[in-house]
């Protein structure tokens, strides 16, 4: 049984896809308690990854409010890891390929999130983690001028890197089929290479979202032929050198959107009867190199399961099941 990487649980599933057009949001306190309450064979979650957005963690929180939250999370025996920057227009951000005003809003959200991230590091509650971003624009809008729009996103991301470096932070761009310029595995590689700031900007790999890349959803030209395991390893092989943050997840080969969230790779429970991924085996495509050697590139790994019904989210068994899979991934691909 290994002790590394640390095992984290994402808090944003309490918010993503929730709201007036869906089910009520689940508050941070409830998500923290469910995480802290999970236990399998004496092993518990080590920490949580946070969405820097009200009502969980207001991006305009004062230092005193951040300090209070850090103490509260520590009191539950948990650390903080990666932070999701609210870069989308509905959350106060703007398109990374938009006009100057939109790009300014995007970068302002990155700066505020990095400031909070540094504060949490200084408080000793956040030993690992990145700031997660995406292009904050849809595929349809991006398709109006793909090459120019990708150049514009790369320019914005380079500016974001400079901001992150001022705070000692690293950024991870999460590719999903719903984000323009980041909707296929080839386009993610292209964007990361164009930004060319590998010490500051990497890739956040979510097992469910990256599985949809193999199917060519929203990018049929980048579909990977062959059986799923082969196709998945090809996608992971292209993006693994850039991967600095990793989400354990399950997918049944379909897409889902809820609330204000566009359709993206559908997250499923770890033991969903329609599962397509062998979670433990396929996590190795990301956590081991082409020679089978553990990369140790992600000091913590995080479960991400968005848009589940609240009845599922509020069941403690859900999180015990999740934790059991996380432990199995670490036992298979971890280190001490």
Protein backbone atom coordinates (compact mmCIF):
# COMPACT_ATOMS: atom_id res chain seq x y z
CA UNK A 1 0.00 0.00 0.00
CA UNK A 2 1.51 3.33 -1.11
CA UNK A 3 1.25 6.71 0.62
CA UNK A 4 1.66 8.90 -2.47
CA UNK A 5 0.08 10.56 -4.34
CA UNK A 6 -2.27 12.20 -1.85
CA UNK A 7 -5.97 11.45 -2.39
CA UNK A 8 -8.28 14.43 -2.86
CA UNK A 9 -11.98 14.94 -3.52
CA UNK A 10 -13.36 17.77 -5.68
CA UNK A 11 -15.79 20.16 -4.00
CA UNK A 12 -17.22 21.74 -7.18
CA UNK A 13 -19.63 18.88 -7.95
CA UNK A 14 -21.73 20.53 -5.27
CA UNK A 15 -22.08 23.53 -7.60
CA UNK A 16 -21.46 22.49 -11.22
CA UNK A 17 -24.70 21.81 -13.05
CA UNK A 18 -26.75 22.90 -10.04
CA UNK A 19 -29.02 25.92 -9.80
CA UNK A 20 -32.40 27.24 -11.00
CA UNK A 21 -32.53 24.92 -14.03
CA UNK A 22 -31.43 21.86 -12.08
CA UNK A 23 -31.15 20.84 -8.41
CA UNK A 24 -30.13 23.12 -5.52
CA UNK A 25 -26.39 23.57 -4.93
CA UNK A 26 -24.75 21.59 -2.13
CA UNK A 27 -22.91 23.84 0.31
CA UNK A 28 -19.19 23.51 0.96
CA UNK A 29 -19.67 22.44 4.57
CA UNK A 30 -21.73 19.43 3.48
CA UNK A 31 -19.18 18.48 0.82
CA UNK A 32 -16.35 18.76 3.35
CA UNK A 33 -18.20 16.62 5.88
CA UNK A 34 -18.95 13.92 3.32
CA UNK A 35 -15.29 13.88 2.29
CA UNK A 36 -13.97 13.84 5.84
CA UNK A 37 -16.49 11.13 6.74
CA UNK A 38 -15.33 8.70 4.05
CA UNK A 39 -13.10 5.88 5.27
CA UNK A 40 -12.01 2.54 3.76
CA UNK A 41 -9.81 0.17 5.72
CA UNK A 42 -8.59 2.97 7.93
CA UNK A 43 -7.65 5.17 4.95
CA UNK A 44 -9.29 8.57 4.49
CA UNK A 45 -9.12 11.38 1.93
CA UNK A 46 -6.06 13.59 2.39
CA UNK A 47 -7.56 16.77 1.01
CA UNK A 48 -9.95 18.64 -1.23
CA UNK A 49 -9.72 20.67 -4.43
CA UNK A 50 -11.77 23.86 -4.43
CA UNK A 51 -13.84 25.98 -6.81
CA UNK A 52 -13.03 29.64 -6.16
CA UNK A 53 -16.57 30.84 -6.58
CA UNK A 54 -19.42 31.75 -4.23
CA UNK A 55 -21.12 30.19 -2.40
CA UNK A 56 -18.15 27.87 -1.75
CA UNK A 57 -15.14 30.22 -1.76
CA UNK A 58 -15.85 33.76 -2.89
CA UNK A 59 -13.12 34.97 -5.24
CA UNK A 60 -13.22 38.35 -3.48
CA UNK A 61 -12.69 36.82 -0.03
CA UNK A 62 -10.57 38.84 2.39
CA UNK A 63 -7.38 37.43 3.87
CA UNK A 64 -9.25 36.92 7.14
CA UNK A 65 -11.96 34.91 5.37
CA UNK A 66 -9.37 32.75 3.62
CA UNK A 67 -7.59 32.19 6.92
CA UNK A 68 -10.84 31.17 8.59
CA UNK A 69 -11.64 28.71 5.80
CA UNK A 70 -8.14 27.22 5.96
CA UNK A 71 -8.46 26.67 9.70
CA UNK A 72 -11.90 25.13 9.22
CA UNK A 73 -10.69 22.69 6.57
CA UNK A 74 -7.62 21.79 8.64
CA UNK A 75 -9.92 21.09 11.57
CA UNK A 76 -11.50 18.32 9.50
CA UNK A 77 -8.11 16.71 8.91
CA UNK A 78 -7.91 17.83 5.28
CA UNK A 79 -5.51 19.80 3.08
CA UNK A 80 -6.29 22.00 0.08
CA UNK A 81 -4.93 21.20 -3.37
CA UNK A 82 -5.86 22.59 -6.78
CA UNK A 83 -8.12 25.59 -7.30
CA UNK A 84 -10.55 26.16 -10.17
CA UNK A 85 -10.41 29.76 -11.41
CA UNK A 86 -13.89 31.03 -12.40
CA UNK A 87 -12.83 32.30 -15.81
CA UNK A 88 -16.21 32.00 -17.57
CA UNK A 89 -18.43 35.01 -18.37
CA UNK A 90 -21.31 33.93 -16.07
CA UNK A 91 -18.84 33.74 -13.16
CA UNK A 92 -17.25 37.14 -13.80
CA UNK A 93 -14.61 36.10 -16.33
CA UNK A 94 -14.50 36.33 -20.10
CA UNK A 95 -13.55 34.44 -23.23
CA UNK A 96 -9.82 33.83 -23.60
CA UNK A 97 -10.18 34.59 -27.31
CA UNK A 98 -12.54 37.52 -26.82
CA UNK A 99 -12.06 41.27 -27.10
CA UNK A 100 -9.74 43.19 -24.78
CA UNK A 101 -12.44 43.62 -22.16
CA UNK A 102 -13.28 39.91 -22.12
CA UNK A 103 -9.64 38.90 -21.94
CA UNK A 104 -9.05 41.39 -19.13
CA UNK A 105 -11.90 39.81 -17.16
CA UNK A 106 -10.43 36.34 -17.75
CA UNK A 107 -7.01 37.42 -16.52
CA UNK A 108 -8.44 39.27 -13.52
CA UNK A 109 -10.07 36.04 -12.32
CA UNK A 110 -6.79 34.17 -12.78
CA UNK A 111 -4.97 36.80 -10.73
CA UNK A 112 -7.49 36.72 -7.89
CA UNK A 113 -7.39 32.93 -7.78
CA UNK A 114 -3.59 32.87 -7.76
CA UNK A 115 -3.60 35.36 -4.87
CA UNK A 116 -5.87 33.07 -2.86
CA UNK A 117 -3.72 30.09 -3.81
CA UNK A 118 -0.58 31.77 -2.52
CA UNK A 119 -2.34 32.75 0.69
CA UNK A 120 -3.37 29.13 1.28
CA UNK A 121 0.20 27.97 0.61
CA UNK A 122 1.57 30.54 3.04
CA UNK A 123 -0.87 29.27 5.67
CA UNK A 124 0.51 25.75 5.25
CA UNK A 125 -2.82 24.21 4.27
CA UNK A 126 -1.99 23.82 0.55
CA UNK A 127 1.21 21.81 -0.04
CA UNK A 128 0.25 20.76 -3.60
CA UNK A 129 -1.98 21.91 -6.41
CA UNK A 130 -2.42 24.08 -9.49
CA UNK A 131 -4.84 26.74 -10.70
CA UNK A 132 -7.18 25.24 -13.30
CA UNK A 133 -8.23 27.22 -16.40
CA UNK A 134 -9.82 26.64 -19.79
CA UNK A 135 -10.56 28.79 -22.85
CA UNK A 136 -13.97 29.91 -21.50
CA UNK A 137 -15.45 29.84 -24.99
CA UNK A 138 -17.59 27.38 -26.91
CA UNK A 139 -16.59 25.26 -29.89
CA UNK A 140 -19.12 26.87 -32.24
CA UNK A 141 -17.69 30.35 -31.67
CA UNK A 142 -14.11 29.06 -31.98
CA UNK A 143 -14.91 27.38 -35.31
CA UNK A 144 -15.59 30.76 -36.93
CA UNK A 145 -11.81 31.26 -37.25
CA UNK A 146 -9.96 28.33 -35.66
CA UNK A 147 -6.34 29.32 -36.23
CA UNK A 148 -6.75 32.98 -35.30
CA UNK A 149 -8.83 32.08 -32.28
CA UNK A 150 -6.28 29.52 -31.08
CA UNK A 151 -3.54 32.14 -31.40
CA UNK A 152 -5.65 34.52 -29.35
CA UNK A 153 -6.23 31.91 -26.63
CA UNK A 154 -2.49 31.16 -26.56
CA UNK A 155 -1.74 34.87 -26.14
CA UNK A 156 -4.16 35.09 -23.22
CA UNK A 157 -2.72 31.95 -21.63
CA UNK A 158 0.81 33.38 -21.90
CA UNK A 159 -0.34 36.49 -20.05
CA UNK A 160 -2.00 34.24 -17.48
CA UNK A 161 1.32 32.41 -17.04
CA UNK A 162 3.07 35.67 -16.23
CA UNK A 163 0.44 36.43 -13.62
CA UNK A 164 0.75 32.96 -12.11
CA UNK A 165 4.52 33.24 -11.90
CA UNK A 166 4.19 36.43 -9.86
CA UNK A 167 2.41 34.34 -7.20
CA UNK A 168 4.56 31.22 -7.52
CA UNK A 169 1.64 29.29 -9.04
CA UNK A 170 1.31 26.83 -11.91
CA UNK A 171 -1.66 26.71 -14.27
CA UNK A 172 -3.31 23.59 -15.66
CA UNK A 173 -5.53 23.82 -18.74
CA UNK A 174 -8.31 21.23 -18.62
CA UNK A 175 -9.30 20.00 -22.03
CA UNK A 176 -12.96 19.14 -22.55
CA UNK A 177 -15.06 18.67 -25.65
CA UNK A 178 -17.08 21.78 -24.76
CA UNK A 179 -14.18 24.29 -24.70
CA UNK A 180 -13.20 25.86 -28.02
CA UNK A 181 -9.58 25.22 -28.95
CA UNK A 182 -9.39 22.58 -26.20
CA UNK A 183 -12.05 20.22 -27.53
CA UNK A 184 -9.76 17.56 -29.00
CA UNK A 185 -6.50 15.95 -27.97
CA UNK A 186 -4.62 17.36 -30.97
CA UNK A 187 -5.91 20.87 -30.33
CA UNK A 188 -4.81 20.69 -26.70
CA UNK A 189 -1.30 19.67 -27.70
CA UNK A 190 -1.22 22.46 -30.29
CA UNK A 191 -2.33 25.06 -27.75
CA UNK A 192 0.15 23.98 -25.09
CA UNK A 193 2.98 24.04 -27.62
CA UNK A 194 1.94 27.49 -28.84
CA UNK A 195 1.91 28.90 -25.32
CA UNK A 196 5.30 27.25 -24.75
CA UNK A 197 5.52 27.89 -21.01
CA UNK A 198 5.95 24.29 -19.78
CA UNK A 199 7.26 25.29 -16.36
CA UNK A 200 4.09 27.29 -15.70
CA UNK A 201 1.31 25.87 -17.89
CA UNK A 202 0.49 22.18 -18.05
CA UNK A 203 -2.49 19.97 -18.74
CA UNK A 204 -5.18 18.81 -16.33
CA UNK A 205 -6.24 15.32 -17.41
CA UNK A 206 -9.71 14.14 -16.43
CA UNK A 207 -10.21 10.46 -17.25
CA UNK A 208 -13.82 10.94 -18.36
CA UNK A 209 -13.32 14.06 -20.45
CA UNK A 210 -10.22 12.75 -22.22
CA UNK A 211 -12.04 9.50 -23.07
CA UNK A 212 -14.43 11.55 -25.21
CA UNK A 213 -11.42 12.78 -27.23
CA UNK A 214 -10.96 9.25 -28.57
CA UNK A 215 -14.49 9.37 -30.02
CA UNK A 216 -13.91 12.60 -31.91
CA UNK A 217 -16.91 14.28 -30.30
CA UNK A 218 -16.95 17.90 -31.61
CA UNK A 219 -13.77 17.06 -33.56
CA UNK A 220 -14.41 14.06 -35.85
CA UNK A 221 -11.12 14.70 -37.63
CA UNK A 222 -9.30 13.80 -34.41
CA UNK A 223 -11.16 10.58 -33.65
CA UNK A 224 -8.78 7.74 -32.77
CA UNK A 225 -9.57 4.48 -34.53
CA UNK A 226 -9.20 1.08 -32.91
CA UNK A 227 -10.28 -0.40 -29.60
CA UNK A 228 -10.83 1.97 -26.68
CA UNK A 229 -7.82 0.89 -24.64
CA UNK A 230 -5.47 1.49 -27.57
CA UNK A 231 -7.13 4.80 -28.46
CA UNK A 232 -7.09 5.98 -24.87
CA UNK A 233 -3.39 5.23 -24.51
CA UNK A 234 -2.66 7.15 -27.70
CA UNK A 235 -4.46 10.24 -26.34
CA UNK A 236 -2.76 9.92 -22.97
CA UNK A 237 0.62 9.41 -24.64
CA UNK A 238 0.28 12.72 -26.48
CA UNK A 239 -0.86 14.72 -23.45
CA UNK A 240 0.94 12.95 -20.59
CA UNK A 241 4.19 14.93 -21.02
CA UNK A 242 2.17 18.05 -20.26
CA UNK A 243 0.04 16.59 -17.46
CA UNK A 244 0.54 18.12 -14.00
CA UNK A 245 -2.92 17.55 -12.47
CA UNK A 246 -5.04 14.41 -12.69
CA UNK A 247 -8.71 13.60 -12.12
CA UNK A 248 -9.83 10.05 -11.53
CA UNK A 249 -13.25 9.61 -13.15
CA UNK A 250 -15.56 7.19 -14.96
CA UNK A 251 -17.47 7.60 -18.22
CA UNK A 252 -20.07 5.59 -20.11
CA UNK A 253 -19.26 7.04 -23.52
CA UNK A 254 -21.98 9.69 -23.48
CA UNK A 255 -22.16 13.43 -22.88
CA UNK A 256 -24.16 15.42 -20.38
CA UNK A 257 -24.95 19.03 -19.55
CA UNK A 258 -26.95 20.46 -16.66
CA UNK A 259 -27.76 23.91 -15.37
CA UNK A 260 -25.42 26.38 -17.09
CA UNK A 261 -22.81 23.75 -17.97
CA UNK A 262 -22.46 22.81 -21.64
CA UNK A 263 -22.52 19.18 -22.71
CA UNK A 264 -19.24 17.49 -21.88
CA UNK A 265 -17.99 14.01 -21.05
CA UNK A 266 -20.50 12.46 -18.68
CA UNK A 267 -19.12 11.60 -15.26
CA UNK A 268 -20.37 8.30 -13.87
CA UNK A 269 -20.10 6.61 -10.51
CA UNK A 270 -17.02 4.39 -10.21
CA UNK A 271 -19.05 1.18 -10.39
CA UNK A 272 -21.58 2.32 -13.00
CA UNK A 273 -22.87 -0.77 -14.85
CA UNK A 274 -22.32 1.00 -18.19
CA UNK A 275 -18.71 1.91 -17.47
CA UNK A 276 -16.26 2.15 -20.36
CA UNK A 277 -13.03 2.72 -18.42
CA UNK A 278 -11.21 0.24 -16.25
CA UNK A 279 -10.33 3.02 -13.82
CA UNK A 280 -7.31 1.38 -12.19
CA UNK A 281 -5.84 0.09 -15.43
CA UNK A 282 -6.54 3.20 -17.49
CA UNK A 283 -5.26 5.59 -14.83
CA UNK A 284 -1.91 4.02 -15.59
CA UNK A 285 -2.01 5.51 -19.08
CA UNK A 286 -1.58 8.88 -17.37
CA UNK A 287 0.39 8.00 -14.23
CA UNK A 288 3.03 5.80 -15.92
CA UNK A 289 5.26 6.65 -18.87
CA UNK A 290 5.60 4.66 -22.07
CA UNK A 291 8.03 2.32 -20.32
CA UNK A 292 5.63 1.68 -17.47
CA UNK A 293 7.56 3.78 -14.95
CA UNK A 294 5.50 5.85 -12.48
CA UNK A 295 5.97 9.52 -13.45
CA UNK A 296 5.30 11.06 -10.00
CA UNK A 297 4.17 14.16 -11.94
CA UNK A 298 1.01 14.66 -9.88
CA UNK A 299 1.67 14.88 -6.11
CA UNK A 300 -2.04 14.49 -5.49
CA UNK A 301 -4.86 12.98 -7.54
CA UNK A 302 -8.49 14.07 -7.31
CA UNK A 303 -11.84 12.39 -7.88
CA UNK A 304 -14.13 14.44 -10.11
CA UNK A 305 -17.78 13.48 -10.47
CA UNK A 306 -19.97 16.35 -11.66
CA UNK A 307 -23.70 16.51 -12.30
CA UNK A 308 -24.73 13.56 -10.14
CA UNK A 309 -28.19 13.80 -8.55
CA UNK A 310 -28.18 15.32 -5.08
CA UNK A 311 -29.55 12.10 -3.60
CA UNK A 312 -26.39 10.35 -4.80
CA UNK A 313 -24.13 13.20 -3.71
CA UNK A 314 -25.55 13.23 -0.19
CA UNK A 315 -25.17 9.48 0.36
CA UNK A 316 -22.03 8.72 2.39
CA UNK A 317 -21.71 5.37 0.59
CA UNK A 318 -21.00 7.27 -2.63
CA UNK A 319 -17.85 8.74 -1.16
CA UNK A 320 -16.73 5.48 0.43
CA UNK A 321 -17.02 3.85 -3.00
CA UNK A 322 -15.10 6.71 -4.58
CA UNK A 323 -12.39 6.49 -1.94
CA UNK A 324 -12.03 2.75 -2.48
CA UNK A 325 -11.29 3.32 -6.17
CA UNK A 326 -8.86 6.13 -5.38
CA UNK A 327 -6.98 3.83 -3.01
CA UNK A 328 -6.84 1.14 -5.70
CA UNK A 329 -5.40 3.64 -8.20
CA UNK A 330 -2.73 4.69 -5.70
CA UNK A 331 -1.89 1.08 -4.82
CA UNK A 332 -1.41 0.34 -8.52
CA UNK A 333 0.46 3.48 -9.60
CA UNK A 334 1.70 5.22 -6.46
CA UNK A 335 4.92 5.52 -4.53
CA UNK A 336 6.24 6.11 -1.00
